[in-house]
Protein backbone atom coordinates (compact mmCIF):
# COMPACT_ATOMS: atom_id res chain seq x y z
CA MET A 1 6.33 6.15 21.85
CA ASN A 2 5.89 4.75 18.36
CA PRO A 3 7.08 7.46 15.91
CA LYS A 4 5.36 5.69 13.03
CA ALA A 5 2.05 7.01 14.41
CA PHE A 6 3.00 10.40 12.95
CA HIS A 7 2.91 8.89 9.46
CA ALA A 8 -0.86 8.52 9.85
CA MET A 9 -1.13 12.32 9.74
CA SER A 10 -1.71 14.01 6.37
CA TYR A 11 1.40 15.32 4.61
CA GLY A 12 2.11 16.66 1.16
CA VAL A 13 5.33 16.98 -0.82
CA TYR A 14 6.43 20.55 -1.48
CA VAL A 15 9.33 22.64 -2.68
CA VAL A 16 9.75 25.67 -0.44
CA SER A 17 11.67 28.33 -2.32
CA THR A 18 13.08 31.79 -1.72
CA TRP A 19 15.90 34.07 -2.88
CA ASP A 20 19.56 33.84 -1.95
CA ASN A 21 20.88 37.31 -2.80
CA GLY A 22 19.07 37.23 -6.14
CA ARG A 23 19.65 33.53 -6.82
CA PRO A 24 16.69 31.14 -6.49
CA THR A 25 17.07 28.36 -3.94
CA GLY A 26 14.87 26.07 -1.90
CA CYS A 27 14.35 22.68 -0.32
CA THR A 28 11.88 19.82 -0.22
CA ALA A 29 9.42 19.90 2.67
CA ASN A 30 6.50 17.79 3.84
CA CYS A 31 5.22 19.95 6.68
CA ALA A 32 3.08 22.86 5.47
CA ALA A 33 -0.44 23.89 6.36
CA GLN A 34 -2.98 26.68 6.13
CA ILE A 35 -3.44 28.37 9.49
CA THR A 36 -6.14 31.01 8.86
CA ALA A 37 -8.45 31.95 5.98
CA ALA A 38 -8.92 35.68 6.51
CA PRO A 39 -6.29 36.93 6.34
CA ALA A 40 -4.87 33.88 4.57
CA THR A 41 -1.82 32.55 6.37
CA VAL A 42 0.20 29.34 6.02
CA MET A 43 3.13 27.78 7.84
CA VAL A 44 6.14 25.74 6.80
CA SER A 45 8.61 23.91 9.03
CA ILE A 46 12.24 24.05 7.84
CA ASN A 47 15.19 22.33 9.50
CA LYS A 48 17.78 24.72 10.88
CA ASP A 49 20.52 22.76 9.08
CA ASN A 50 18.92 23.53 5.72
CA TYR A 51 20.51 26.45 3.89
CA THR A 52 16.98 27.47 2.84
CA ASN A 53 16.18 28.25 6.48
CA LYS A 54 18.81 31.00 6.55
CA CYS A 55 17.72 32.31 3.15
CA ILE A 56 14.04 32.58 4.12
CA ALA A 57 14.98 34.43 7.30
CA GLU A 58 17.10 36.92 5.35
CA CYS A 59 14.73 37.32 2.40
CA GLY A 60 11.56 37.54 4.48
CA HIS A 61 9.52 35.74 1.82
CA PHE A 62 8.96 32.17 0.67
CA ALA A 63 6.88 30.25 -1.86
CA ILE A 64 5.41 26.76 -1.61
CA SER A 65 5.28 24.76 -4.86
CA ILE A 66 2.83 21.90 -4.36
CA LEU A 67 4.12 18.91 -6.30
CA ALA A 68 1.68 16.72 -8.23
CA GLU A 69 1.60 12.94 -8.51
CA ASN A 70 3.04 13.22 -12.02
CA SER A 71 5.73 15.78 -11.14
CA ASP A 72 9.23 14.64 -12.06
CA PRO A 73 10.39 12.73 -8.94
CA SER A 74 13.96 13.91 -9.49
CA ILE A 75 12.78 17.34 -8.30
CA ILE A 76 12.28 15.85 -4.84
CA GLY A 77 15.83 14.52 -4.77
CA THR A 78 17.36 17.68 -6.20
CA PHE A 79 15.79 19.85 -3.53
CA GLY A 80 15.85 17.28 -0.72
CA PHE A 81 19.28 15.69 -0.80
CA ARG A 82 21.60 18.51 -1.90
CA SER A 83 22.51 21.81 -0.27
CA GLY A 84 21.69 25.09 -1.97
CA LYS A 85 24.78 26.57 -0.35
CA ASP A 86 27.07 24.99 -2.93
CA PHE A 87 24.66 23.66 -5.58
CA ASP A 88 22.30 25.53 -7.91
CA LYS A 89 19.13 23.49 -7.45
CA PHE A 90 17.22 25.48 -10.06
CA ALA A 91 19.87 25.02 -12.77
CA ASP A 92 18.03 22.08 -14.36
CA VAL A 93 14.58 22.54 -12.83
CA PRO A 94 12.20 24.80 -14.81
CA TYR A 95 10.78 27.63 -12.76
CA ALA A 96 8.90 30.90 -13.11
CA VAL A 97 8.83 34.01 -10.98
CA LYS A 98 5.35 34.32 -9.48
CA ASP A 99 4.47 37.16 -7.12
CA ALA A 100 8.19 38.02 -7.03
CA LEU A 101 9.25 34.52 -5.91
CA PRO A 102 10.71 31.49 -7.75
CA VAL A 103 8.15 28.73 -8.27
CA VAL A 104 8.67 25.23 -9.70
CA THR A 105 6.56 25.06 -12.86
CA ASP A 106 6.24 21.26 -12.69
CA SER A 107 3.75 21.53 -9.83
CA CYS A 108 -0.02 21.72 -9.48
CA ALA A 109 -0.22 24.95 -7.45
CA TYR A 110 1.84 27.51 -5.60
CA ILE A 111 1.42 29.83 -2.62
CA ALA A 112 3.63 32.90 -2.14
CA CYS A 113 4.07 34.37 1.33
CA ARG A 114 5.60 37.18 3.34
CA VAL A 115 7.04 36.04 6.68
CA ILE A 116 5.10 37.62 9.54
CA ASN A 117 6.25 35.46 12.45
CA THR A 118 8.42 32.51 13.41
CA MET A 119 8.35 29.80 16.05
CA ASP A 120 11.55 28.19 17.23
CA SER A 121 11.98 24.50 18.05
CA PRO A 122 15.17 22.57 18.88
CA THR A 123 15.69 21.43 15.26
CA HIS A 124 13.28 23.42 13.08
CA THR A 125 12.02 26.94 12.47
CA VAL A 126 8.32 27.30 11.77
CA PHE A 127 7.78 30.23 9.42
CA LEU A 128 4.30 31.79 9.46
CA GLY A 129 3.55 33.55 6.20
CA GLU A 130 0.86 35.95 5.07
CA VAL A 131 -0.26 34.88 1.60
CA ILE A 132 0.54 37.48 -1.06
CA GLY A 133 -0.33 35.34 -4.06
CA ALA A 134 -1.50 31.87 -5.06
CA ASP A 135 -2.65 30.05 -8.15
CA VAL A 136 -3.47 26.61 -9.56
CA LEU A 137 -1.01 25.52 -12.26
CA SER A 138 -2.60 22.22 -13.31
CA ASP A 139 -5.50 19.92 -12.48
CA ASN A 140 -3.18 17.02 -11.63
CA PRO A 141 -3.77 15.61 -8.11
CA PRO A 142 -1.30 16.79 -5.47
CA MET A 143 1.29 14.30 -4.33
CA THR A 144 0.82 13.04 -0.79
CA TYR A 145 3.62 11.81 1.42
CA ALA A 146 2.02 8.36 1.36
CA TYR A 147 2.06 8.38 -2.46
CA TYR A 148 5.71 9.40 -2.46
CA HIS A 149 6.64 6.47 -0.22
CA GLY A 150 4.21 3.86 -1.55
CA VAL A 151 4.25 4.50 -5.30
CA ILE A 152 7.45 6.39 -6.08
CA LYS A 153 9.33 4.41 -3.40
CA GLY A 154 11.11 7.53 -2.21
CA LYS A 155 12.84 7.89 1.14
CA THR A 156 12.88 10.63 3.74
CA ALA A 157 15.69 13.14 4.02
CA LYS A 158 17.38 13.24 7.43
CA ASN A 159 16.33 16.87 7.92
CA ALA A 160 12.62 16.07 7.54
CA PRO A 161 10.39 16.08 10.64
CA THR A 162 9.15 12.56 9.76
CA TYR A 163 12.57 10.95 9.29
CA LEU A 164 12.99 7.57 11.00
CA ALA A 165 16.61 6.55 11.51
CA ASP A 166 15.77 2.87 11.73
CA GLU A 167 13.96 2.50 8.41
CA ALA A 168 14.88 -1.04 7.34
CA GLN A 169 16.26 -1.73 3.88
CA PRO A 170 15.12 -4.90 2.07
CA ALA A 171 17.86 -7.52 1.87
CA GLY A 172 19.30 -8.23 -1.55
CA LYS A 173 18.15 -4.93 -3.05
CA TYR A 174 20.33 -2.11 -4.35
CA VAL A 175 19.88 1.06 -2.30
CA CYS A 176 21.03 4.60 -3.08
CA SER A 177 23.50 5.64 -0.39
CA VAL A 178 22.50 9.30 -0.85
CA CYS A 179 18.69 9.31 -0.69
CA GLY A 180 17.82 5.71 0.27
CA HIS A 181 15.87 4.93 -2.90
CA VAL A 182 15.50 1.17 -3.43
CA TYR A 183 15.89 0.00 -7.03
CA THR A 184 12.91 -2.19 -8.03
CA GLY A 185 13.11 -2.10 -11.83
CA ASN A 186 12.63 -5.10 -14.12
CA ILE A 187 16.18 -4.92 -15.50
CA PRO A 188 18.77 -6.48 -13.16
CA PHE A 189 20.69 -3.66 -11.49
CA GLU A 190 24.02 -5.00 -12.73
CA GLN A 191 22.79 -4.69 -16.33
CA LEU A 192 21.79 -1.04 -16.10
CA PRO A 193 23.93 1.27 -18.28
CA GLU A 194 26.74 3.09 -16.50
CA ASP A 195 25.13 6.48 -17.18
CA TRP A 196 21.94 5.42 -15.37
CA ALA A 197 21.09 7.71 -12.45
CA CYS A 198 18.92 7.49 -9.35
CA PRO A 199 15.39 8.67 -10.27
CA ILE A 200 15.05 10.45 -6.92
CA CYS A 201 18.32 12.29 -6.28
CA GLY A 202 20.03 12.03 -9.66
CA GLN A 203 23.17 10.42 -8.28
CA PRO A 204 25.08 7.92 -10.47
CA LYS A 205 24.76 4.14 -10.39
CA SER A 206 28.06 3.91 -8.48
CA VAL A 207 26.54 5.26 -5.25
CA PHE A 208 24.11 2.33 -4.97
CA LYS A 209 24.99 -0.37 -2.45
CA LYS A 210 23.57 -3.86 -2.11
CA ALA A 211 21.61 -4.21 1.15
């Protein structure tokens, strides 16, 4: 089986958010889809190792913020490569409460849901949600998974359904040891200021390793 065949399927880039005892939390996801139109229902697939999985199960609600092509790429890293258990992901990410759920404002649309069913798999929980609210926040085109990889040069978190453990790193390039982002800027990596940070996960220059 060639797992790269799954990359030919359509994926978006989303922040799935919920409440953690009154504190907003969430994670990056690429597997979400509308299931029915009337009543409107959608599904999201969340890894069981993600703290957000536990929070959605306890809260019973979740929101999907659909990121746009011009959304700040650091949002993806903040929600995709850190754990909400010990890190406040919304501390530096603007959000608004929409339909009683936290929503990333730097997105093109959101969908708020009440959990009505779940499906268990060995590594992920699929949450089926009845839509309780939705709105378009901008006319910017939604970010696709292909755009994230091809244009932003982002990498896949290990908890994502599409993660490939054998993704090769280009020789001679500096690679973030946290999120896998490959530095391709015009300034030589060694000449970057010491306070420079990874544009994907926000980690400092010191975590980059030469491949």
